[in-house]
Amino acid sequence: PHNPRGYFEDAGLVALHSRMPLAAT
């Protein structure tokens, strides 16, 4: 609903990006 046209982002890369700070903290 916040971006009805889509984000044009690869879901796997977004998931990796979310895990990286946790692994580095």
mmCIF file of all heavy atoms, coordinates in Angstrom:
data_MODEL
# 
_entry.id   MODEL 
# 
loop_
_atom_site.group_PDB 
_atom_site.id 
_atom_site.type_symbol 
_atom_site.label_atom_id 
_atom_site.label_alt_id 
_atom_site.label_comp_id 
_atom_site.label_asym_id 
_atom_site.label_entity_id 
_atom_site.label_seq_id 
_atom_site.pdbx_PDB_ins_code 
_atom_site.Cartn_x 
_atom_site.Cartn_y 
_atom_site.Cartn_z 
_atom_site.occupancy 
_atom_site.B_iso_or_equiv 
_atom_site.pdbx_formal_charge 
_atom_site.auth_seq_id 
_atom_site.auth_comp_id 
_atom_site.auth_asym_id 
_atom_site.auth_atom_id 
_atom_site.pdbx_PDB_model_num 
ATOM 1   N N   . PRO A 1 1  ? 0.813  -1.221  0.000   1.00 0.00 ? 1  PRO A N   1 
ATOM 2   C CA  . PRO A 1 1  ? 0.000  0.000   0.000   1.00 0.00 ? 1  PRO A CA  1 
ATOM 3   C C   . PRO A 1 1  ? 0.852  1.278   0.000   1.00 0.00 ? 1  PRO A C   1 
ATOM 4   O O   . PRO A 1 1  ? 0.434  2.294   -0.526  1.00 0.00 ? 1  PRO A O   1 
ATOM 5   C CB  . PRO A 1 1  ? -0.817 -0.112  1.288   1.00 0.00 ? 1  PRO A CB  1 
ATOM 6   C CG  . PRO A 1 1  ? -0.903 -1.578  1.557   1.00 0.00 ? 1  PRO A CG  1 
ATOM 7   C CD  . PRO A 1 1  ? 0.412  -2.136  1.087   1.00 0.00 ? 1  PRO A CD  1 
ATOM 8   N N   . HIS A 1 2  ? 2.047  1.200   0.575   1.00 0.00 ? 2  HIS A N   1 
ATOM 9   C CA  . HIS A 1 2  ? 2.935  2.368   0.611   1.00 0.00 ? 2  HIS A CA  1 
ATOM 10  C C   . HIS A 1 2  ? 3.638  2.597   -0.726  1.00 0.00 ? 2  HIS A C   1 
ATOM 11  O O   . HIS A 1 2  ? 4.106  3.695   -0.998  1.00 0.00 ? 2  HIS A O   1 
ATOM 12  C CB  . HIS A 1 2  ? 3.986  2.215   1.710   1.00 0.00 ? 2  HIS A CB  1 
ATOM 13  C CG  . HIS A 1 2  ? 3.394  2.164   3.072   1.00 0.00 ? 2  HIS A CG  1 
ATOM 14  N ND1 . HIS A 1 2  ? 2.839  3.257   3.698   1.00 0.00 ? 2  HIS A ND1 1 
ATOM 15  C CD2 . HIS A 1 2  ? 3.256  1.131   3.935   1.00 0.00 ? 2  HIS A CD2 1 
ATOM 16  C CE1 . HIS A 1 2  ? 2.385  2.904   4.883   1.00 0.00 ? 2  HIS A CE1 1 
ATOM 17  N NE2 . HIS A 1 2  ? 2.620  1.614   5.049   1.00 0.00 ? 2  HIS A NE2 1 
ATOM 18  N N   . ASN A 1 3  ? 3.754  1.543   -1.526  1.00 0.00 ? 3  ASN A N   1 
ATOM 19  C CA  . ASN A 1 3  ? 4.418  1.646   -2.829  1.00 0.00 ? 3  ASN A CA  1 
ATOM 20  C C   . ASN A 1 3  ? 3.706  0.715   -3.808  1.00 0.00 ? 3  ASN A C   1 
ATOM 21  O O   . ASN A 1 3  ? 4.200  -0.372  -4.116  1.00 0.00 ? 3  ASN A O   1 
ATOM 22  C CB  . ASN A 1 3  ? 5.901  1.281   -2.696  1.00 0.00 ? 3  ASN A CB  1 
ATOM 23  C CG  . ASN A 1 3  ? 6.706  1.742   -3.892  1.00 0.00 ? 3  ASN A CG  1 
ATOM 24  O OD1 . ASN A 1 3  ? 6.164  2.057   -4.928  1.00 0.00 ? 3  ASN A OD1 1 
ATOM 25  N ND2 . ASN A 1 3  ? 8.013  1.761   -3.738  1.00 0.00 ? 3  ASN A ND2 1 
ATOM 26  N N   . PRO A 1 4  ? 2.528  1.114   -4.307  1.00 0.00 ? 4  PRO A N   1 
ATOM 27  C CA  . PRO A 1 4  ? 1.721  0.223   -5.145  1.00 0.00 ? 4  PRO A CA  1 
ATOM 28  C C   . PRO A 1 4  ? 2.355  -0.131  -6.488  1.00 0.00 ? 4  PRO A C   1 
ATOM 29  O O   . PRO A 1 4  ? 1.970  -1.118  -7.107  1.00 0.00 ? 4  PRO A O   1 
ATOM 30  C CB  . PRO A 1 4  ? 0.413  0.982   -5.331  1.00 0.00 ? 4  PRO A CB  1 
ATOM 31  C CG  . PRO A 1 4  ? 0.723  2.406   -5.017  1.00 0.00 ? 4  PRO A CG  1 
ATOM 32  C CD  . PRO A 1 4  ? 1.881  2.397   -4.060  1.00 0.00 ? 4  PRO A CD  1 
ATOM 33  N N   . ARG A 1 5  ? 3.328  0.620   -6.959  1.00 0.00 ? 5  ARG A N   1 
ATOM 34  C CA  . ARG A 1 5  ? 4.003  0.285   -8.219  1.00 0.00 ? 5  ARG A CA  1 
ATOM 35  C C   . ARG A 1 5  ? 5.105  -0.745  -8.031  1.00 0.00 ? 5  ARG A C   1 
ATOM 36  O O   . ARG A 1 5  ? 5.626  -1.293  -8.987  1.00 0.00 ? 5  ARG A O   1 
ATOM 37  C CB  . ARG A 1 5  ? 4.592  1.537   -8.851  1.00 0.00 ? 5  ARG A CB  1 
ATOM 38  C CG  . ARG A 1 5  ? 3.533  2.503   -9.319  1.00 0.00 ? 5  ARG A CG  1 
ATOM 39  C CD  . ARG A 1 5  ? 4.152  3.671   -10.006 1.00 0.00 ? 5  ARG A CD  1 
ATOM 40  N NE  . ARG A 1 5  ? 3.130  4.648   -10.362 1.00 0.00 ? 5  ARG A NE  1 
ATOM 41  C CZ  . ARG A 1 5  ? 3.376  5.870   -10.746 1.00 0.00 ? 5  ARG A CZ  1 
ATOM 42  N NH1 . ARG A 1 5  ? 4.631  6.283   -10.822 1.00 0.00 ? 5  ARG A NH1 1 
ATOM 43  N NH2 . ARG A 1 5  ? 2.401  6.684   -11.037 1.00 0.00 ? 5  ARG A NH2 1 
ATOM 44  N N   . GLY A 1 6  ? 5.476  -0.991  -6.792  1.00 0.00 ? 6  GLY A N   1 
ATOM 45  C CA  . GLY A 1 6  ? 6.499  -1.983  -6.491  1.00 0.00 ? 6  GLY A CA  1 
ATOM 46  C C   . GLY A 1 6  ? 7.816  -1.332  -6.112  1.00 0.00 ? 6  GLY A C   1 
ATOM 47  O O   . GLY A 1 6  ? 8.016  -0.131  -6.285  1.00 0.00 ? 6  GLY A O   1 
ATOM 48  N N   . TYR A 1 7  ? 8.708  -2.164  -5.585  1.00 0.00 ? 7  TYR A N   1 
ATOM 49  C CA  . TYR A 1 7  ? 9.994  -1.678  -5.097  1.00 0.00 ? 7  TYR A CA  1 
ATOM 50  C C   . TYR A 1 7  ? 11.138 -1.966  -6.071  1.00 0.00 ? 7  TYR A C   1 
ATOM 51  O O   . TYR A 1 7  ? 12.218 -1.408  -5.932  1.00 0.00 ? 7  TYR A O   1 
ATOM 52  C CB  . TYR A 1 7  ? 10.301 -2.307  -3.733  1.00 0.00 ? 7  TYR A CB  1 
ATOM 53  C CG  . TYR A 1 7  ? 9.351  -1.831  -2.671  1.00 0.00 ? 7  TYR A CG  1 
ATOM 54  C CD1 . TYR A 1 7  ? 8.169  -2.510  -2.411  1.00 0.00 ? 7  TYR A CD1 1 
ATOM 55  C CD2 . TYR A 1 7  ? 9.618  -0.682  -1.948  1.00 0.00 ? 7  TYR A CD2 1 
ATOM 56  C CE1 . TYR A 1 7  ? 7.288  -2.064  -1.446  1.00 0.00 ? 7  TYR A CE1 1 
ATOM 57  C CE2 . TYR A 1 7  ? 8.746  -0.220  -0.978  1.00 0.00 ? 7  TYR A CE2 1 
ATOM 58  C CZ  . TYR A 1 7  ? 7.583  -0.919  -0.738  1.00 0.00 ? 7  TYR A CZ  1 
ATOM 59  O OH  . TYR A 1 7  ? 6.714  -0.461  0.213   1.00 0.00 ? 7  TYR A OH  1 
ATOM 60  N N   . PHE A 1 8  ? 10.926 -2.873  -7.008  1.00 0.00 ? 8  PHE A N   1 
ATOM 61  C CA  . PHE A 1 8  ? 11.939 -3.212  -8.013  1.00 0.00 ? 8  PHE A CA  1 
ATOM 62  C C   . PHE A 1 8  ? 13.237 -3.653  -7.339  1.00 0.00 ? 8  PHE A C   1 
ATOM 63  O O   . PHE A 1 8  ? 14.325 -3.282  -7.754  1.00 0.00 ? 8  PHE A O   1 
ATOM 64  C CB  . PHE A 1 8  ? 12.166 -2.045  -8.977  1.00 0.00 ? 8  PHE A CB  1 
ATOM 65  C CG  . PHE A 1 8  ? 10.912 -1.639  -9.701  1.00 0.00 ? 8  PHE A CG  1 
ATOM 66  C CD1 . PHE A 1 8  ? 10.099 -0.640  -9.208  1.00 0.00 ? 8  PHE A CD1 1 
ATOM 67  C CD2 . PHE A 1 8  ? 10.523 -2.300  -10.858 1.00 0.00 ? 8  PHE A CD2 1 
ATOM 68  C CE1 . PHE A 1 8  ? 8.925  -0.286  -9.859  1.00 0.00 ? 8  PHE A CE1 1 
ATOM 69  C CE2 . PHE A 1 8  ? 9.356  -1.964  -11.515 1.00 0.00 ? 8  PHE A CE2 1 
ATOM 70  C CZ  . PHE A 1 8  ? 8.552  -0.953  -11.006 1.00 0.00 ? 8  PHE A CZ  1 
ATOM 71  N N   . GLU A 1 9  ? 13.101 -4.442  -6.252  1.00 0.00 ? 9  GLU A N   1 
ATOM 72  C CA  . GLU A 1 9  ? 14.244 -4.952  -5.504  1.00 0.00 ? 9  GLU A CA  1 
ATOM 73  C C   . GLU A 1 9  ? 14.182 -6.464  -5.456  1.00 0.00 ? 9  GLU A C   1 
ATOM 74  O O   . GLU A 1 9  ? 13.112 -7.050  -5.255  1.00 0.00 ? 9  GLU A O   1 
ATOM 75  C CB  . GLU A 1 9  ? 14.239 -4.412  -4.071  1.00 0.00 ? 9  GLU A CB  1 
ATOM 76  C CG  . GLU A 1 9  ? 14.354 -2.910  -3.981  1.00 0.00 ? 9  GLU A CG  1 
ATOM 77  C CD  . GLU A 1 9  ? 14.212 -2.407  -2.546  1.00 0.00 ? 9  GLU A CD  1 
ATOM 78  O OE1 . GLU A 1 9  ? 13.805 -3.187  -1.664  1.00 0.00 ? 9  GLU A OE1 1 
ATOM 79  O OE2 . GLU A 1 9  ? 14.502 -1.223  -2.324  1.00 0.00 ? 9  GLU A OE2 1 
ATOM 80  N N   . ASP A 1 10 ? 15.329 -7.114  -5.593  1.00 0.00 ? 10 ASP A N   1 
ATOM 81  C CA  . ASP A 1 10 ? 15.409 -8.559  -5.491  1.00 0.00 ? 10 ASP A CA  1 
ATOM 82  C C   . ASP A 1 10 ? 15.203 -8.965  -4.029  1.00 0.00 ? 10 ASP A C   1 
ATOM 83  O O   . ASP A 1 10 ? 15.908 -8.484  -3.138  1.00 0.00 ? 10 ASP A O   1 
ATOM 84  C CB  . ASP A 1 10 ? 16.769 -9.042  -5.986  1.00 0.00 ? 10 ASP A CB  1 
ATOM 85  C CG  . ASP A 1 10 ? 16.893 -10.548 -5.915  1.00 0.00 ? 10 ASP A CG  1 
ATOM 86  O OD1 . ASP A 1 10 ? 16.381 -11.225 -6.823  1.00 0.00 ? 10 ASP A OD1 1 
ATOM 87  O OD2 . ASP A 1 10 ? 17.486 -11.032 -4.928  1.00 0.00 ? 10 ASP A OD2 1 
ATOM 88  N N   . ALA A 1 11 ? 14.233 -9.842  -3.777  1.00 0.00 ? 11 ALA A N   1 
ATOM 89  C CA  . ALA A 1 11 ? 13.878 -10.221 -2.406  1.00 0.00 ? 11 ALA A CA  1 
ATOM 90  C C   . ALA A 1 11 ? 15.040 -10.907 -1.690  1.00 0.00 ? 11 ALA A C   1 
ATOM 91  O O   . ALA A 1 11 ? 15.260 -10.676 -0.501  1.00 0.00 ? 11 ALA A O   1 
ATOM 92  C CB  . ALA A 1 11 ? 12.639 -11.109 -2.417  1.00 0.00 ? 11 ALA A CB  1 
ATOM 93  N N   . GLY A 1 12 ? 15.788 -11.742 -2.378  1.00 0.00 ? 12 GLY A N   1 
ATOM 94  C CA  . GLY A 1 12 ? 16.925 -12.420 -1.759  1.00 0.00 ? 12 GLY A CA  1 
ATOM 95  C C   . GLY A 1 12 ? 18.019 -11.451 -1.350  1.00 0.00 ? 12 GLY A C   1 
ATOM 96  O O   . GLY A 1 12 ? 18.620 -11.591 -0.270  1.00 0.00 ? 12 GLY A O   1 
ATOM 97  N N   . LEU A 1 13 ? 18.283 -10.464 -2.179  1.00 0.00 ? 13 LEU A N   1 
ATOM 98  C CA  . LEU A 1 13 ? 19.301 -9.469  -1.854  1.00 0.00 ? 13 LEU A CA  1 
ATOM 99  C C   . LEU A 1 13 ? 18.844 -8.591  -0.692  1.00 0.00 ? 13 LEU A C   1 
ATOM 100 O O   . LEU A 1 13 ? 19.638 -8.241  0.183   1.00 0.00 ? 13 LEU A O   1 
ATOM 101 C CB  . LEU A 1 13 ? 19.619 -8.620  -3.082  1.00 0.00 ? 13 LEU A CB  1 
ATOM 102 C CG  . LEU A 1 13 ? 20.832 -7.716  -2.982  1.00 0.00 ? 13 LEU A CG  1 
ATOM 103 C CD1 . LEU A 1 13 ? 22.090 -8.503  -2.663  1.00 0.00 ? 13 LEU A CD1 1 
ATOM 104 C CD2 . LEU A 1 13 ? 21.017 -6.944  -4.278  1.00 0.00 ? 13 LEU A CD2 1 
ATOM 105 N N   . VAL A 1 14 ? 17.563 -8.266  -0.623  1.00 0.00 ? 14 VAL A N   1 
ATOM 106 C CA  . VAL A 1 14 ? 17.027 -7.497  0.500   1.00 0.00 ? 14 VAL A CA  1 
ATOM 107 C C   . VAL A 1 14 ? 17.168 -8.297  1.796   1.00 0.00 ? 14 VAL A C   1 
ATOM 108 O O   . VAL A 1 14 ? 17.553 -7.757  2.841   1.00 0.00 ? 14 VAL A O   1 
ATOM 109 C CB  . VAL A 1 14 ? 15.555 -7.092  0.247   1.00 0.00 ? 14 VAL A CB  1 
ATOM 110 C CG1 . VAL A 1 14 ? 14.918 -6.506  1.498   1.00 0.00 ? 14 VAL A CG1 1 
ATOM 111 C CG2 . VAL A 1 14 ? 15.476 -6.108  -0.904  1.00 0.00 ? 14 VAL A CG2 1 
ATOM 112 N N   . ALA A 1 15 ? 16.892 -9.601  1.739   1.00 0.00 ? 15 ALA A N   1 
ATOM 113 C CA  . ALA A 1 15 ? 17.033 -10.456 2.926   1.00 0.00 ? 15 ALA A CA  1 
ATOM 114 C C   . ALA A 1 15 ? 18.498 -10.517 3.373   1.00 0.00 ? 15 ALA A C   1 
ATOM 115 O O   . ALA A 1 15 ? 18.785 -10.435 4.574   1.00 0.00 ? 15 ALA A O   1 
ATOM 116 C CB  . ALA A 1 15 ? 16.497 -11.851 2.636   1.00 0.00 ? 15 ALA A CB  1 
ATOM 117 N N   . LEU A 1 16 ? 19.422 -10.646 2.432   1.00 0.00 ? 16 LEU A N   1 
ATOM 118 C CA  . LEU A 1 16 ? 20.852 -10.642 2.763   1.00 0.00 ? 16 LEU A CA  1 
ATOM 119 C C   . LEU A 1 16 ? 21.240 -9.320  3.409   1.00 0.00 ? 16 LEU A C   1 
ATOM 120 O O   . LEU A 1 16 ? 21.930 -9.300  4.429   1.00 0.00 ? 16 LEU A O   1 
ATOM 121 C CB  . LEU A 1 16 ? 21.688 -10.886 1.508   1.00 0.00 ? 16 LEU A CB  1 
ATOM 122 C CG  . LEU A 1 16 ? 23.199 -10.740 1.682   1.00 0.00 ? 16 LEU A CG  1 
ATOM 123 C CD1 . LEU A 1 16 ? 23.742 -11.814 2.612   1.00 0.00 ? 16 LEU A CD1 1 
ATOM 124 C CD2 . LEU A 1 16 ? 23.890 -10.789 0.333   1.00 0.00 ? 16 LEU A CD2 1 
ATOM 125 N N   . HIS A 1 17 ? 20.771 -8.231  2.847   1.00 0.00 ? 17 HIS A N   1 
ATOM 126 C CA  . HIS A 1 17 ? 21.073 -6.907  3.383   1.00 0.00 ? 17 HIS A CA  1 
ATOM 127 C C   . HIS A 1 17 ? 20.563 -6.765  4.814   1.00 0.00 ? 17 HIS A C   1 
ATOM 128 O O   . HIS A 1 17 ? 21.183 -6.102  5.645   1.00 0.00 ? 17 HIS A O   1 
ATOM 129 C CB  . HIS A 1 17 ? 20.453 -5.832  2.484   1.00 0.00 ? 17 HIS A CB  1 
ATOM 130 C CG  . HIS A 1 17 ? 20.737 -4.447  2.933   1.00 0.00 ? 17 HIS A CG  1 
ATOM 131 N ND1 . HIS A 1 17 ? 19.819 -3.695  3.622   1.00 0.00 ? 17 HIS A ND1 1 
ATOM 132 C CD2 . HIS A 1 17 ? 21.844 -3.675  2.805   1.00 0.00 ? 17 HIS A CD2 1 
ATOM 133 C CE1 . HIS A 1 17 ? 20.339 -2.510  3.903   1.00 0.00 ? 17 HIS A CE1 1 
ATOM 134 N NE2 . HIS A 1 17 ? 21.559 -2.475  3.420   1.00 0.00 ? 17 HIS A NE2 1 
ATOM 135 N N   . SER A 1 18 ? 19.441 -7.389  5.132   1.00 0.00 ? 18 SER A N   1 
ATOM 136 C CA  . SER A 1 18 ? 18.895 -7.337  6.488   1.00 0.00 ? 18 SER A CA  1 
ATOM 137 C C   . SER A 1 18 ? 19.717 -8.178  7.463   1.00 0.00 ? 18 SER A C   1 
ATOM 138 O O   . SER A 1 18 ? 19.818 -7.836  8.639   1.00 0.00 ? 18 SER A O   1 
ATOM 139 C CB  . SER A 1 18 ? 17.453 -7.830  6.494   1.00 0.00 ? 18 SER A CB  1 
ATOM 140 O OG  . SER A 1 18 ? 16.645 -6.973  5.729   1.00 0.00 ? 18 SER A OG  1 
ATOM 141 N N   . ARG A 1 19 ? 20.304 -9.290  6.995   1.00 0.00 ? 19 ARG A N   1 
ATOM 142 C CA  . ARG A 1 19 ? 21.092 -10.165 7.870   1.00 0.00 ? 19 ARG A CA  1 
ATOM 143 C C   . ARG A 1 19 ? 22.497 -9.639  8.124   1.00 0.00 ? 19 ARG A C   1 
ATOM 144 O O   . ARG A 1 19 ? 23.085 -9.908  9.173   1.00 0.00 ? 19 ARG A O   1 
ATOM 145 C CB  . ARG A 1 19 ? 21.189 -11.563 7.259   1.00 0.00 ? 19 ARG A CB  1 
ATOM 146 C CG  . ARG A 1 19 ? 19.896 -12.330 7.273   1.00 0.00 ? 19 ARG A CG  1 
ATOM 147 C CD  . ARG A 1 19 ? 20.096 -13.802 6.912   1.00 0.00 ? 19 ARG A CD  1 
ATOM 148 N NE  . ARG A 1 19 ? 20.856 -14.023 5.698   1.00 0.00 ? 19 ARG A NE  1 
ATOM 149 C CZ  . ARG A 1 19 ? 20.338 -14.184 4.469   1.00 0.00 ? 19 ARG A CZ  1 
ATOM 150 N NH1 . ARG A 1 19 ? 19.028 -14.126 4.308   1.00 0.00 ? 19 ARG A NH1 1 
ATOM 151 N NH2 . ARG A 1 19 ? 21.107 -14.389 3.428   1.00 0.00 ? 19 ARG A NH2 1 
ATOM 152 N N   . MET A 1 20 ? 23.062 -8.909  7.190   1.00 0.00 ? 20 MET A N   1 
ATOM 153 C CA  . MET A 1 20 ? 24.455 -8.479  7.313   1.00 0.00 ? 20 MET A CA  1 
ATOM 154 C C   . MET A 1 20 ? 24.723 -7.630  8.551   1.00 0.00 ? 20 MET A C   1 
ATOM 155 O O   . MET A 1 20 ? 25.693 -7.904  9.272   1.00 0.00 ? 20 MET A O   1 
ATOM 156 C CB  . MET A 1 20 ? 24.892 -7.757  6.042   1.00 0.00 ? 20 MET A CB  1 
ATOM 157 C CG  . MET A 1 20 ? 25.057 -8.689  4.866   1.00 0.00 ? 20 MET A CG  1 
ATOM 158 S SD  . MET A 1 20 ? 25.323 -7.859  3.290   1.00 0.00 ? 20 MET A SD  1 
ATOM 159 C CE  . MET A 1 20 ? 26.836 -6.990  3.573   1.00 0.00 ? 20 MET A CE  1 
ATOM 160 N N   . PRO A 1 21 ? 23.936 -6.606  8.884   1.00 0.00 ? 21 PRO A N   1 
ATOM 161 C CA  . PRO A 1 21 ? 24.223 -5.832  10.101  1.00 0.00 ? 21 PRO A CA  1 
ATOM 162 C C   . PRO A 1 21 ? 24.121 -6.670  11.375  1.00 0.00 ? 21 PRO A C   1 
ATOM 163 O O   . PRO A 1 21 ? 24.879 -6.480  12.308  1.00 0.00 ? 21 PRO A O   1 
ATOM 164 C CB  . PRO A 1 21 ? 23.173 -4.725  10.094  1.00 0.00 ? 21 PRO A CB  1 
ATOM 165 C CG  . PRO A 1 21 ? 22.742 -4.618  8.678   1.00 0.00 ? 21 PRO A CG  1 
ATOM 166 C CD  . PRO A 1 21 ? 22.853 -5.995  8.122   1.00 0.00 ? 21 PRO A CD  1 
ATOM 167 N N   . LEU A 1 22 ? 23.183 -7.617  11.399  1.00 0.00 ? 22 LEU A N   1 
ATOM 168 C CA  . LEU A 1 22 ? 23.059 -8.475  12.566  1.00 0.00 ? 22 LEU A CA  1 
ATOM 169 C C   . LEU A 1 22 ? 24.305 -9.322  12.753  1.00 0.00 ? 22 LEU A C   1 
ATOM 170 O O   . LEU A 1 22 ? 24.785 -9.515  13.875  1.00 0.00 ? 22 LEU A O   1 
ATOM 171 C CB  . LEU A 1 22 ? 21.820 -9.366  12.440  1.00 0.00 ? 22 LEU A CB  1 
ATOM 172 C CG  . LEU A 1 22 ? 20.481 -8.649  12.441  1.00 0.00 ? 22 LEU A CG  1 
ATOM 173 C CD1 . LEU A 1 22 ? 19.347 -9.630  12.179  1.00 0.00 ? 22 LEU A CD1 1 
ATOM 174 C CD2 . LEU A 1 22 ? 20.268 -7.914  13.747  1.00 0.00 ? 22 LEU A CD2 1 
ATOM 175 N N   . ALA A 1 23 ? 24.858 -9.823  11.666  1.00 0.00 ? 23 ALA A N   1 
ATOM 176 C CA  . ALA A 1 23 ? 26.060 -10.649 11.733  1.00 0.00 ? 23 ALA A CA  1 
ATOM 177 C C   . ALA A 1 23 ? 27.288 -9.825  12.119  1.00 0.00 ? 23 ALA A C   1 
ATOM 178 O O   . ALA A 1 23 ? 28.235 -10.356 12.690  1.00 0.00 ? 23 ALA A O   1 
ATOM 179 C CB  . ALA A 1 23 ? 26.290 -11.342 10.391  1.00 0.00 ? 23 ALA A CB  1 
ATOM 180 N N   . ALA A 1 24 ? 27.274 -8.539  11.831  1.00 0.00 ? 24 ALA A N   1 
ATOM 181 C CA  . ALA A 1 24 ? 28.430 -7.687  12.095  1.00 0.00 ? 24 ALA A CA  1 
ATOM 182 C C   . ALA A 1 24 ? 28.343 -6.951  13.425  1.00 0.00 ? 24 ALA A C   1 
ATOM 183 O O   . ALA A 1 24 ? 29.250 -6.208  13.777  1.00 0.00 ? 24 ALA A O   1 
ATOM 184 C CB  . ALA A 1 24 ? 28.582 -6.669  10.962  1.00 0.00 ? 24 ALA A CB  1 
ATOM 185 N N   . THR A 1 25 ? 27.269 -7.161  14.182  1.00 0.00 ? 25 THR A N   1 
ATOM 186 C CA  . THR A 1 25 ? 27.067 -6.450  15.436  1.00 0.00 ? 25 THR A CA  1 
ATOM 187 C C   . THR A 1 25 ? 27.484 -7.337  16.598  1.00 0.00 ? 25 THR A C   1 
ATOM 188 O O   . THR A 1 25 ? 26.990 -8.457  16.742  1.00 0.00 ? 25 THR A O   1 
ATOM 189 C CB  . THR A 1 25 ? 25.585 -6.042  15.593  1.00 0.00 ? 25 THR A CB  1 
ATOM 190 O OG1 . THR A 1 25 ? 25.220 -5.255  14.471  1.00 0.00 ? 25 THR A OG1 1 
ATOM 191 C CG2 . THR A 1 25 ? 25.371 -5.242  16.853  1.00 0.00 ? 25 THR A CG2 1 
# 
